[in-house]
C-alpha atoms as a PDB file:
ATOM      1  CA  MET A   1     -96.347-104.123  33.971  1.00  0.00           C
ATOM      2  CA  LYS A   2     -94.037-106.785  33.641  1.00  0.00           C
ATOM      3  CA  ARG A   3     -92.545-105.122  30.497  1.00  0.00           C
ATOM      4  CA  SER A   4     -92.923-101.472  31.123  1.00  0.00           C
ATOM      5  CA  TYR A   5     -92.522-100.759  34.901  1.00  0.00           C
ATOM      6  CA  ILE A   6     -89.673 -98.362  34.581  1.00  0.00           C
ATOM      7  CA  VAL A   7     -92.024 -95.895  32.937  1.00  0.00           C
ATOM      8  CA  ILE A   8     -94.842 -96.846  35.143  1.00  0.00           C
ATOM      9  CA  ILE A   9     -92.757 -95.847  38.207  1.00  0.00           C
ATOM     10  CA  ALA A  10     -91.968 -92.349  36.616  1.00  0.00           C
ATOM     11  CA  LEU A  11     -95.572 -91.693  36.312  1.00  0.00           C
ATOM     12  CA  ILE A  12     -96.923 -93.423  39.639  1.00  0.00           C
ATOM     13  CA  THR A  13     -94.414 -91.231  41.551  1.00  0.00           C
ATOM     14  CA  PHE A  14     -96.847 -88.603  41.097  1.00  0.00           C
ATOM     15  CA  SER A  15     -99.776 -90.714  42.498  1.00  0.00           C
ATOM     16  CA  LEU A  16     -97.664 -91.997  45.611  1.00  0.00           C
ATOM     17  CA  PHE A  17     -96.497 -88.208  45.994  1.00  0.00           C
ATOM     18  CA  PHE A  18    -100.065 -86.914  46.402  1.00  0.00           C
ATOM     19  CA  SER A  19    -100.996 -87.904  50.090  1.00  0.00           C
ATOM     20  CA  PHE A  20    -102.803 -85.537  52.614  1.00  0.00           C
ATOM     21  CA  ARG A  21    -104.876 -85.267  55.421  1.00  0.00           C
ATOM     22  CA  GLN A  22    -108.677 -85.632  55.330  1.00  0.00           C
ATOM     23  CA  PHE A  23    -109.338 -82.672  57.074  1.00  0.00           C
ATOM     24  CA  GLU A  24    -111.043 -80.904  54.025  1.00  0.00           C
ATOM     25  CA  GLU A  25    -114.756 -82.542  54.548  1.00  0.00           C
ATOM     26  CA  GLN A  26    -116.715 -80.019  53.043  1.00  0.00           C
ATOM     27  CA  ALA A  27    -119.045 -80.632  49.888  1.00  0.00           C
ATOM     28  CA  ALA A  28    -116.910 -80.380  46.560  1.00  0.00           C
ATOM     29  CA  GLN A  29    -119.372 -77.709  45.364  1.00  0.00           C
ATOM     30  CA  ASN A  30    -118.904 -75.496  48.398  1.00  0.00           C
ATOM     31  CA  ARG A  31    -115.123 -76.490  48.765  1.00  0.00           C
ATOM     32  CA  VAL A  32    -112.593 -73.741  48.105  1.00  0.00           C
ATOM     33  CA  ILE A  33    -108.628 -74.391  48.047  1.00  0.00           C
ATOM     34  CA  ASN A  34    -106.277 -71.595  48.388  1.00  0.00           C
ATOM     35  CA  ASN A  35    -103.624 -72.370  45.640  1.00  0.00           C
ATOM     36  CA  LYS A  36    -100.551 -70.521  45.458  1.00  0.00           C
ATOM     37  CA  SER A  37     -98.612 -73.449  43.824  1.00  0.00           C
ATOM     38  CA  PHE A  38     -99.378 -73.930  40.230  1.00  0.00           C
ATOM     39  CA  GLY A  39    -101.487 -72.464  37.412  1.00  0.00           C
ATOM     40  CA  THR A  40    -102.120 -72.519  33.626  1.00  0.00           C
ATOM     41  CA  GLY A  41     -98.981 -73.084  31.434  1.00  0.00           C
ATOM     42  CA  GLU A  42     -96.710 -74.884  34.047  1.00  0.00           C
ATOM     43  CA  ARG A  43     -94.640 -77.645  32.225  1.00  0.00           C
ATOM     44  CA  VAL A  44     -91.671 -79.854  34.072  1.00  0.00           C
ATOM     45  CA  GLU A  45     -89.750 -82.637  32.544  1.00  0.00           C
ATOM     46  CA  TYR A  46     -88.058 -85.271  34.264  1.00  0.00           C
ATOM     47  CA  ARG A  47     -85.318 -88.050  33.175  1.00  0.00           C
ATOM     48  CA  VAL A  48     -85.300 -91.748  34.610  1.00  0.00           C
ATOM     49  CA  HIS A  49     -82.240 -93.379  34.621  1.00  0.00           C
ATOM     50  CA  TYR A  50     -81.202 -97.016  35.613  1.00  0.00           C
ATOM     51  CA  GLY A  51     -77.632 -96.990  36.974  1.00  0.00           C
ATOM     52  CA  PHE A  52     -75.872 -94.832  33.968  1.00  0.00           C
ATOM     53  CA  ILE A  53     -78.444 -95.798  31.648  1.00  0.00           C
ATOM     54  CA  ASN A  54     -80.968 -93.333  30.436  1.00  0.00           C
ATOM     55  CA  ALA A  55     -84.378 -95.272  30.493  1.00  0.00           C
ATOM     56  CA  ALA A  56     -87.204 -93.127  30.171  1.00  0.00           C
ATOM     57  CA  GLU A  57     -88.562 -89.529  30.393  1.00  0.00           C
ATOM     58  CA  ALA A  58     -91.769 -88.085  32.196  1.00  0.00           C
ATOM     59  CA  LYS A  59     -93.593 -84.950  31.662  1.00  0.00           C
ATOM     60  CA  VAL A  60     -95.844 -83.032  33.454  1.00  0.00           C
ATOM     61  CA  GLU A  61     -98.115 -80.158  31.771  1.00  0.00           C
ATOM     62  CA  VAL A  62    -100.732 -77.825  32.627  1.00  0.00           C
ATOM     63  CA  GLY A  63    -102.570 -76.545  29.830  1.00  0.00           C
ATOM     64  CA  LYS A  64    -102.175 -72.691  28.706  1.00  0.00           C
ATOM     65  CA  SER A  65    -105.932 -72.450  28.932  1.00  0.00           C
ATOM     66  CA  VAL A  66    -108.938 -73.499  31.127  1.00  0.00           C
ATOM     67  CA  SER A  67    -111.370 -76.166  30.466  1.00  0.00           C
ATOM     68  CA  MET A  68    -114.746 -76.544  30.968  1.00  0.00           C
ATOM     69  CA  ILE A  69    -116.062 -79.899  32.485  1.00  0.00           C
ATOM     70  CA  ASN A  70    -119.115 -80.612  34.318  1.00  0.00           C
ATOM     71  CA  ASN A  71    -120.046 -76.864  33.785  1.00  0.00           C
ATOM     72  CA  ARG A  72    -116.686 -76.221  35.988  1.00  0.00           C
ATOM     73  CA  PRO A  73    -113.463 -74.612  35.139  1.00  0.00           C
ATOM     74  CA  CYS A  74    -110.538 -76.889  35.055  1.00  0.00           C
ATOM     75  CA  TYR A  75    -106.872 -77.274  34.623  1.00  0.00           C
ATOM     76  CA  ARG A  76    -106.195 -79.628  32.221  1.00  0.00           C
ATOM     77  CA  VAL A  77    -102.956 -81.736  32.902  1.00  0.00           C
ATOM     78  CA  ASN A  78    -101.129 -84.225  31.253  1.00  0.00           C
ATOM     79  CA  VAL A  79     -98.543 -86.569  32.672  1.00  0.00           C
ATOM     80  CA  SER A  80     -96.710 -88.801  29.970  1.00  0.00           C
ATOM     81  CA  GLY A  81     -93.984 -91.139  29.762  1.00  0.00           C
ATOM     82  CA  ARG A  82     -91.676 -92.801  27.172  1.00  0.00           C
ATOM     83  CA  THR A  83     -88.877 -95.002  27.055  1.00  0.00           C
ATOM     84  CA  VAL A  84     -85.712 -94.209  25.481  1.00  0.00           C
ATOM     85  CA  GLY A  85     -82.387 -95.501  24.351  1.00  0.00           C
ATOM     86  CA  ALA A  86     -82.133 -99.418  24.740  1.00  0.00           C
ATOM     87  CA  PHE A  87     -85.112 -99.711  26.794  1.00  0.00           C
ATOM     88  CA  ASP A  88     -87.173 -98.278  24.167  1.00  0.00           C
ATOM     89  CA  LEU A  89     -85.916-101.294  21.995  1.00  0.00           C
ATOM     90  CA  ILE A  90     -86.766-103.610  24.752  1.00  0.00           C
ATOM     91  CA  SER A  91     -90.066-102.243  25.636  1.00  0.00           C
ATOM     92  CA  ARG A  92     -91.594 -99.446  24.070  1.00  0.00           C
ATOM     93  CA  VAL A  93     -93.866 -97.298  26.199  1.00  0.00           C
ATOM     94  CA  ARG A  94     -95.735 -94.196  25.219  1.00  0.00           C
ATOM     95  CA  ASP A  95     -98.371 -93.726  28.002  1.00  0.00           C
ATOM     96  CA  THR A  96    -100.325 -90.389  28.613  1.00  0.00           C
ATOM     97  CA  TRP A  97    -102.576 -89.865  31.689  1.00  0.00           C
ATOM     98  CA  ARG A  98    -104.500 -86.603  31.936  1.00  0.00           C
ATOM     99  CA  SER A  99    -106.823 -85.170  34.516  1.00  0.00           C
ATOM    100  CA  TYR A 100    -109.178 -82.264  34.297  1.00  0.00           C
ATOM    101  CA  ILE A 101    -108.713 -80.491  37.717  1.00  0.00           C
ATOM    102  CA  ASP A 102    -111.424 -78.194  39.307  1.00  0.00           C
ATOM    103  CA  THR A 103    -109.536 -74.646  39.651  1.00  0.00           C
ATOM    104  CA  THR A 104    -111.420 -73.737  42.959  1.00  0.00           C
ATOM    105  CA  ALA A 105    -111.764 -77.064  44.712  1.00  0.00           C
ATOM    106  CA  ILE A 106    -108.657 -78.958  43.322  1.00  0.00           C
ATOM    107  CA  LEU A 107    -110.664 -82.000  42.514  1.00  0.00           C
ATOM    108  CA  PRO A 108    -111.007 -84.017  39.500  1.00  0.00           C
ATOM    109  CA  HIS A 109    -114.059 -83.889  37.364  1.00  0.00           C
ATOM    110  CA  MET A 110    -112.630 -86.206  34.248  1.00  0.00           C
ATOM    111  CA  PHE A 111    -109.449 -88.613  34.368  1.00  0.00           C
ATOM    112  CA  GLU A 112    -108.252 -90.224  30.933  1.00  0.00           C
ATOM    113  CA  ARG A 113    -105.691 -92.804  30.219  1.00  0.00           C
ATOM    114  CA  GLN A 114    -104.062 -93.942  26.759  1.00  0.00           C
ATOM    115  CA  ILE A 115    -101.855 -96.423  27.302  1.00  0.00           C
ATOM    116  CA  GLN A 116     -99.181 -97.827  24.624  1.00  0.00           C
ATOM    117  CA  GLU A 117     -96.756-100.487  25.838  1.00  0.00           C
ATOM    118  CA  ASN A 118     -95.469-102.802  23.204  1.00  0.00           C
ATOM    119  CA  LYS A 119     -98.693-104.266  21.349  1.00  0.00           C
ATOM    120  CA  TYR A 120    -101.035-103.783  24.540  1.00  0.00           C
ATOM    121  CA  ARG A 121    -103.205-100.600  24.274  1.00  0.00           C
ATOM    122  CA  LYS A 122    -105.841 -99.356  26.476  1.00  0.00           C
ATOM    123  CA  ASP A 123    -108.048 -96.355  26.275  1.00  0.00           C
ATOM    124  CA  GLU A 124    -109.818 -95.377  29.726  1.00  0.00           C
ATOM    125  CA  ARG A 125    -112.142 -92.356  30.696  1.00  0.00           C
ATOM    126  CA  VAL A 126    -113.212 -91.935  34.264  1.00  0.00           C
ATOM    127  CA  MET A 127    -115.962 -89.131  35.099  1.00  0.00           C
ATOM    128  CA  PHE A 128    -116.482 -88.361  38.598  1.00  0.00           C
ATOM    129  CA  ASN A 129    -119.703 -87.009  40.178  1.00  0.00           C
ATOM    130  CA  HIS A 130    -118.655 -85.406  43.419  1.00  0.00           C
ATOM    131  CA  HIS A 131    -122.285 -84.712  44.301  1.00  0.00           C
ATOM    132  CA  ARG A 132    -123.142 -88.375  44.708  1.00  0.00           C
ATOM    133  CA  ASP A 133    -119.735 -89.821  45.367  1.00  0.00           C
ATOM    134  CA  GLN A 134    -119.355 -91.623  42.213  1.00  0.00           C
ATOM    135  CA  ALA A 135    -116.883 -92.408  39.693  1.00  0.00           C
ATOM    136  CA  VAL A 136    -118.176 -93.710  36.262  1.00  0.00           C
ATOM    137  CA  ALA A 137    -115.323 -95.308  34.316  1.00  0.00           C
ATOM    138  CA  SER A 138    -115.611 -96.398  30.610  1.00  0.00           C
ATOM    139  CA  VAL A 139    -113.329 -98.707  28.607  1.00  0.00           C
ATOM    140  CA  LYS A 140    -114.257 -99.248  24.862  1.00  0.00           C
ATOM    141  CA  ASP A 141    -118.214-100.023  24.751  1.00  0.00           C
ATOM    142  CA  GLU A 142    -117.942-100.863  28.767  1.00  0.00           C
ATOM    143  CA  THR A 143    -119.121 -98.493  31.323  1.00  0.00           C
ATOM    144  CA  LYS A 144    -119.176 -99.212  35.164  1.00  0.00           C
ATOM    145  CA  THR A 145    -120.353 -96.950  37.917  1.00  0.00           C
ATOM    146  CA  TYR A 146    -118.437 -97.004  41.169  1.00  0.00           C
ATOM    147  CA  ASN A 147    -119.320 -95.568  44.743  1.00  0.00           C
ATOM    148  CA  VAL A 148    -116.235 -93.432  46.195  1.00  0.00           C
ATOM    149  CA  PRO A 149    -115.639 -91.717  49.212  1.00  0.00           C
ATOM    150  CA  ASN A 150    -115.966 -88.138  49.294  1.00  0.00           C
ATOM    151  CA  ASN A 151    -113.775 -85.609  47.733  1.00  0.00           C
ATOM    152  CA  ILE A 152    -112.116 -88.690  45.849  1.00  0.00           C
ATOM    153  CA  HIS A 153    -109.014 -87.791  43.936  1.00  0.00           C
ATOM    154  CA  ASP A 154    -107.574 -89.580  40.957  1.00  0.00           C
ATOM    155  CA  ILE A 155    -103.834 -90.111  40.675  1.00  0.00           C
ATOM    156  CA  ILE A 156    -102.808 -86.720  39.030  1.00  0.00           C
ATOM    157  CA  SER A 157    -105.294 -84.373  40.942  1.00  0.00           C
ATOM    158  CA  GLY A 158    -104.334 -85.777  44.159  1.00  0.00           C
ATOM    159  CA  TYR A 159    -100.669 -84.670  43.733  1.00  0.00           C
ATOM    160  CA  PHE A 160    -101.558 -81.306  42.500  1.00  0.00           C
ATOM    161  CA  TYR A 161    -103.623 -80.933  45.732  1.00  0.00           C
ATOM    162  CA  LEU A 162    -100.889 -81.962  47.543  1.00  0.00           C
ATOM    163  CA  ARG A 163     -98.830 -78.896  46.252  1.00  0.00           C
ATOM    164  CA  THR A 164    -101.448 -76.473  48.299  1.00  0.00           C
ATOM    165  CA  ILE A 165    -100.823 -78.122  51.542  1.00  0.00           C
ATOM    166  CA  ASN A 166     -98.698 -76.192  54.183  1.00  0.00           C
ATOM    167  CA  PHE A 167     -95.669 -78.527  55.377  1.00  0.00           C
ATOM    168  CA  GLU A 168     -94.937 -76.523  58.675  1.00  0.00           C
ATOM    169  CA  ARG A 169     -98.432 -77.885  59.857  1.00  0.00           C
ATOM    170  CA  ILE A 170     -97.363 -81.587  59.685  1.00  0.00           C
ATOM    171  CA  SER A 171     -94.628 -83.126  62.130  1.00  0.00           C
ATOM    172  CA  GLU A 172     -91.740 -85.230  60.910  1.00  0.00           C
ATOM    173  CA  GLY A 173     -92.459 -88.770  60.924  1.00  0.00           C
ATOM    174  CA  GLU A 174     -95.880 -88.332  60.369  1.00  0.00           C
ATOM    175  CA  VAL A 175     -97.787 -90.697  58.113  1.00  0.00           C
ATOM    176  CA  ILE A 176    -100.432 -89.072  55.895  1.00  0.00           C
ATOM    177  CA  GLU A 177    -103.181 -91.248  54.322  1.00  0.00           C
ATOM    178  CA  VAL A 178    -105.418 -90.832  51.389  1.00  0.00           C
ATOM    179  CA  PRO A 179    -107.987 -92.844  49.259  1.00  0.00           C
ATOM    180  CA  THR A 180    -107.846 -92.358  45.512  1.00  0.00           C
ATOM    181  CA  PHE A 181    -109.626 -94.080  42.661  1.00  0.00           C
ATOM    182  CA  PHE A 182    -107.479 -95.844  40.004  1.00  0.00           C
ATOM    183  CA  ASP A 183    -108.503 -98.866  37.578  1.00  0.00           C
ATOM    184  CA  GLY A 184    -111.905 -99.505  39.252  1.00  0.00           C
ATOM    185  CA  GLU A 185    -110.671 -99.588  43.040  1.00  0.00           C
ATOM    186  CA  VAL A 186    -110.171 -97.019  45.641  1.00  0.00           C
ATOM    187  CA  TYR A 187    -106.720 -97.472  47.168  1.00  0.00           C
ATOM    188  CA  LYS A 188    -105.505 -96.052  50.433  1.00  0.00           C
ATOM    189  CA  LEU A 189    -102.132 -94.731  49.960  1.00  0.00           C
ATOM    190  CA  ARG A 190     -99.570 -93.962  52.853  1.00  0.00           C
ATOM    191  CA  VAL A 191     -96.894 -91.473  52.914  1.00  0.00           C
ATOM    192  CA  ARG A 192     -94.547 -90.341  55.552  1.00  0.00           C
ATOM    193  CA  TYR A 193     -93.167 -86.805  55.586  1.00  0.00           C
ATOM    194  CA  VAL A 194     -89.363 -87.345  56.814  1.00  0.00           C
ATOM    195  CA  GLY A 195     -88.373 -83.601  57.158  1.00  0.00           C
ATOM    196  CA  LYS A 196     -86.188 -80.933  55.505  1.00  0.00           C
ATOM    197  CA  ASP A 197     -83.006 -81.167  53.554  1.00  0.00           C
ATOM    198  CA  VAL A 198     -80.783 -79.893  51.021  1.00  0.00           C
ATOM    199  CA  ILE A 199     -79.850 -81.359  47.448  1.00  0.00           C
ATOM    200  CA  LYS A 200     -77.655 -80.572  44.466  1.00  0.00           C
ATOM    201  CA  THR A 201     -79.226 -80.736  41.077  1.00  0.00           C
ATOM    202  CA  LYS A 202     -77.777 -79.794  37.709  1.00  0.00           C
ATOM    203  CA  TYR A 203     -79.056 -76.144  38.207  1.00  0.00           C
ATOM    204  CA  GLY A 204     -77.241 -75.997  41.847  1.00  0.00           C
ATOM    205  CA  LYS A 205     -78.300 -76.603  45.474  1.00  0.00           C
ATOM    206  CA  THR A 206     -81.735 -75.910  46.932  1.00  0.00           C
ATOM    207  CA  LYS A 207     -83.788 -76.590  49.905  1.00  0.00           C
ATOM    208  CA  VAL A 208     -86.270 -79.677  50.014  1.00  0.00           C
ATOM    209  CA  LEU A 209     -88.826 -81.662  51.663  1.00  0.00           C
ATOM    210  CA  ARG A 210     -88.250 -85.274  52.134  1.00  0.00           C
ATOM    211  CA  ILE A 211     -91.267 -87.520  51.348  1.00  0.00           C
ATOM    212  CA  ASN A 212     -91.180 -91.623  51.778  1.00  0.00           C
ATOM    213  CA  PRO A 213     -94.132 -93.269  50.420  1.00  0.00           C
ATOM    214  CA  LEU A 214     -95.151 -96.759  52.044  1.00  0.00           C
ATOM    215  CA  ILE A 215     -95.083 -98.991  49.113  1.00  0.00           C
ATOM    216  CA  PRO A 216     -96.864-102.413  49.653  1.00  0.00           C
ATOM    217  CA  ASP A 217     -95.146-105.277  49.271  1.00  0.00           C
ATOM    218  CA  ASN A 218     -94.783-106.537  45.779  1.00  0.00           C
ATOM    219  CA  LYS A 219     -92.053-107.900  43.665  1.00  0.00           C
ATOM    220  CA  PHE A 220     -90.653-104.777  41.732  1.00  0.00           C
ATOM    221  CA  PHE A 221     -89.677-102.677  45.072  1.00  0.00           C
ATOM    222  CA  LYS A 222     -87.336-103.481  47.829  1.00  0.00           C
ATOM    223  CA  GLY A 223     -89.408-102.992  50.833  1.00  0.00           C
ATOM    224  CA  GLU A 224     -92.142-100.640  52.135  1.00  0.00           C
ATOM    225  CA  GLY A 225     -89.631 -97.606  52.179  1.00  0.00           C
ATOM    226  CA  ALA A 226     -87.962 -98.296  48.799  1.00  0.00           C
ATOM    227  CA  MET A 227     -89.206 -94.880  47.244  1.00  0.00           C
ATOM    228  CA  LYS A 228     -87.654 -91.466  48.513  1.00  0.00           C
ATOM    229  CA  LEU A 229     -88.713 -88.043  47.122  1.00  0.00           C
ATOM    230  CA  TRP A 230     -87.288 -84.701  47.419  1.00  0.00           C
ATOM    231  CA  VAL A 231     -89.561 -82.109  46.581  1.00  0.00           C
ATOM    232  CA  SER A 232     -88.975 -78.054  46.669  1.00  0.00           C
ATOM    233  CA  ASP A 233     -89.319 -76.517  50.033  1.00  0.00           C
ATOM    234  CA  ASP A 234     -91.331 -73.647  48.736  1.00  0.00           C
ATOM    235  CA  SER A 235     -94.809 -72.789  47.456  1.00  0.00           C
ATOM    236  CA  ASN A 236     -94.321 -74.707  43.873  1.00  0.00           C
ATOM    237  CA  LYS A 237     -93.749 -77.993  46.170  1.00  0.00           C
ATOM    238  CA  ILE A 238     -92.503 -80.022  42.715  1.00  0.00           C
ATOM    239  CA  PRO A 239     -90.634 -83.181  42.743  1.00  0.00           C
ATOM    240  CA  LEU A 240     -86.845 -82.603  42.191  1.00  0.00           C
ATOM    241  CA  LYS A 241     -85.513 -85.922  42.743  1.00  0.00           C
ATOM    242  CA  VAL A 242     -86.650 -89.506  43.314  1.00  0.00           C
ATOM    243  CA  GLU A 243     -84.757 -92.770  44.053  1.00  0.00           C
ATOM    244  CA  VAL A 244     -86.348 -96.029  43.776  1.00  0.00           C
ATOM    245  CA  GLU A 245     -84.645 -99.237  45.213  1.00  0.00           C
ATOM    246  CA  LEU A 246     -85.563-102.349  42.935  1.00  0.00           C
ATOM    247  CA  LYS A 247     -85.428-106.140  43.712  1.00  0.00           C
ATOM    248  CA  ILE A 248     -82.366-105.712  41.117  1.00  0.00           C
ATOM    249  CA  GLY A 249     -80.892-102.381  41.099  1.00  0.00           C
ATOM    250  CA  SER A 250     -82.513 -99.126  41.351  1.00  0.00           C
ATOM    251  CA  LEU A 251     -83.767 -96.026  39.684  1.00  0.00           C
ATOM    252  CA  GLU A 252     -83.451 -92.512  39.929  1.00  0.00           C
ATOM    253  CA  MET A 253     -85.462 -89.642  38.588  1.00  0.00           C
ATOM    254  CA  ASP A 254     -84.128 -86.244  38.136  1.00  0.00           C
ATOM    255  CA  LEU A 255     -85.303 -82.858  36.957  1.00  0.00           C
ATOM    256  CA  LYS A 256     -84.484 -82.188  33.367  1.00  0.00           C
ATOM    257  CA  SER A 257     -86.268 -78.840  32.728  1.00  0.00           C
ATOM    258  CA  TYR A 258     -88.976 -76.512  33.870  1.00  0.00           C
ATOM    259  CA  LYS A 259     -90.697 -73.387  33.090  1.00  0.00           C
ATOM    260  CA  GLY A 260     -94.284 -71.723  33.888  1.00  0.00           C
ATOM    261  CA  LEU A 261     -93.837 -72.044  37.622  1.00  0.00           C
ATOM    262  CA  LYS A 262     -95.686 -69.606  39.846  1.00  0.00           C
ATOM    263  CA  LYS A 263     -92.339 -68.936  41.638  1.00  0.00           C
ATOM    264  CA  ASP A 264     -88.959 -68.994  40.596  1.00  0.00           C
ATOM    265  CA  LEU A 265     -87.043 -71.865  42.152  1.00  0.00           C
ATOM    266  CA  VAL A 266     -84.215 -70.669  44.147  1.00  0.00           C
ATOM    267  CA  TRP A 267     -80.867 -72.206  43.665  1.00  0.00           C
ATOM    268  CA  PHE A 268     -77.350 -71.388  45.596  1.00  0.00           C
END
């Protein structure tokens, strides 16, 4: 983490972004989420820069076909990040995180990580059993079983679930909390919905929702409200811009390209 936090920030942006109310308490096998926000073939790319320096790139892709995991049809979602330019010479990072998300329940059935950060390597797989509320994590030859809350998410599936939420039902200033399983632990992430806004991108101006993840105190970020997100104010709800205040300097993540969205973004 010390040597690759810029790419990790780009990836974890999505995990911090997936906050949601826990009013969906039905069992996973009976859970049906109305999804008009994403589907197969979606691809969104981002550029991360530190000041005027390009630092990293991040990509979010939904597979072109549906996969079967635990005898359930799933979206195969890849989130990848890599350093570029001078940052690639200082600390080379090639990370891929993958989630298989139930097409009906919008819950994860399998989560994978392939981490390559300089000489460090880690391959992990997590299988989710929503009937038993368990997560089974495997790293090399070691397997551990963890008890988890009902309808638990991984850091990718939660982001995609958020995209199905109707923000018209959430009040400005409301703090939303959600548990997620990551690296052998269940975390409660907290996010504040700030309100609506308009931002300018390389594609033009567009309407957005403002989201403020509340980050626990740490040595990288500058305070609890150090991260700010701007999300498209439409059925897609994709991040368009991210700003992160660090202890030294700041990072920005901007939309680089997109295709395969369920609904065209509106620019003016």
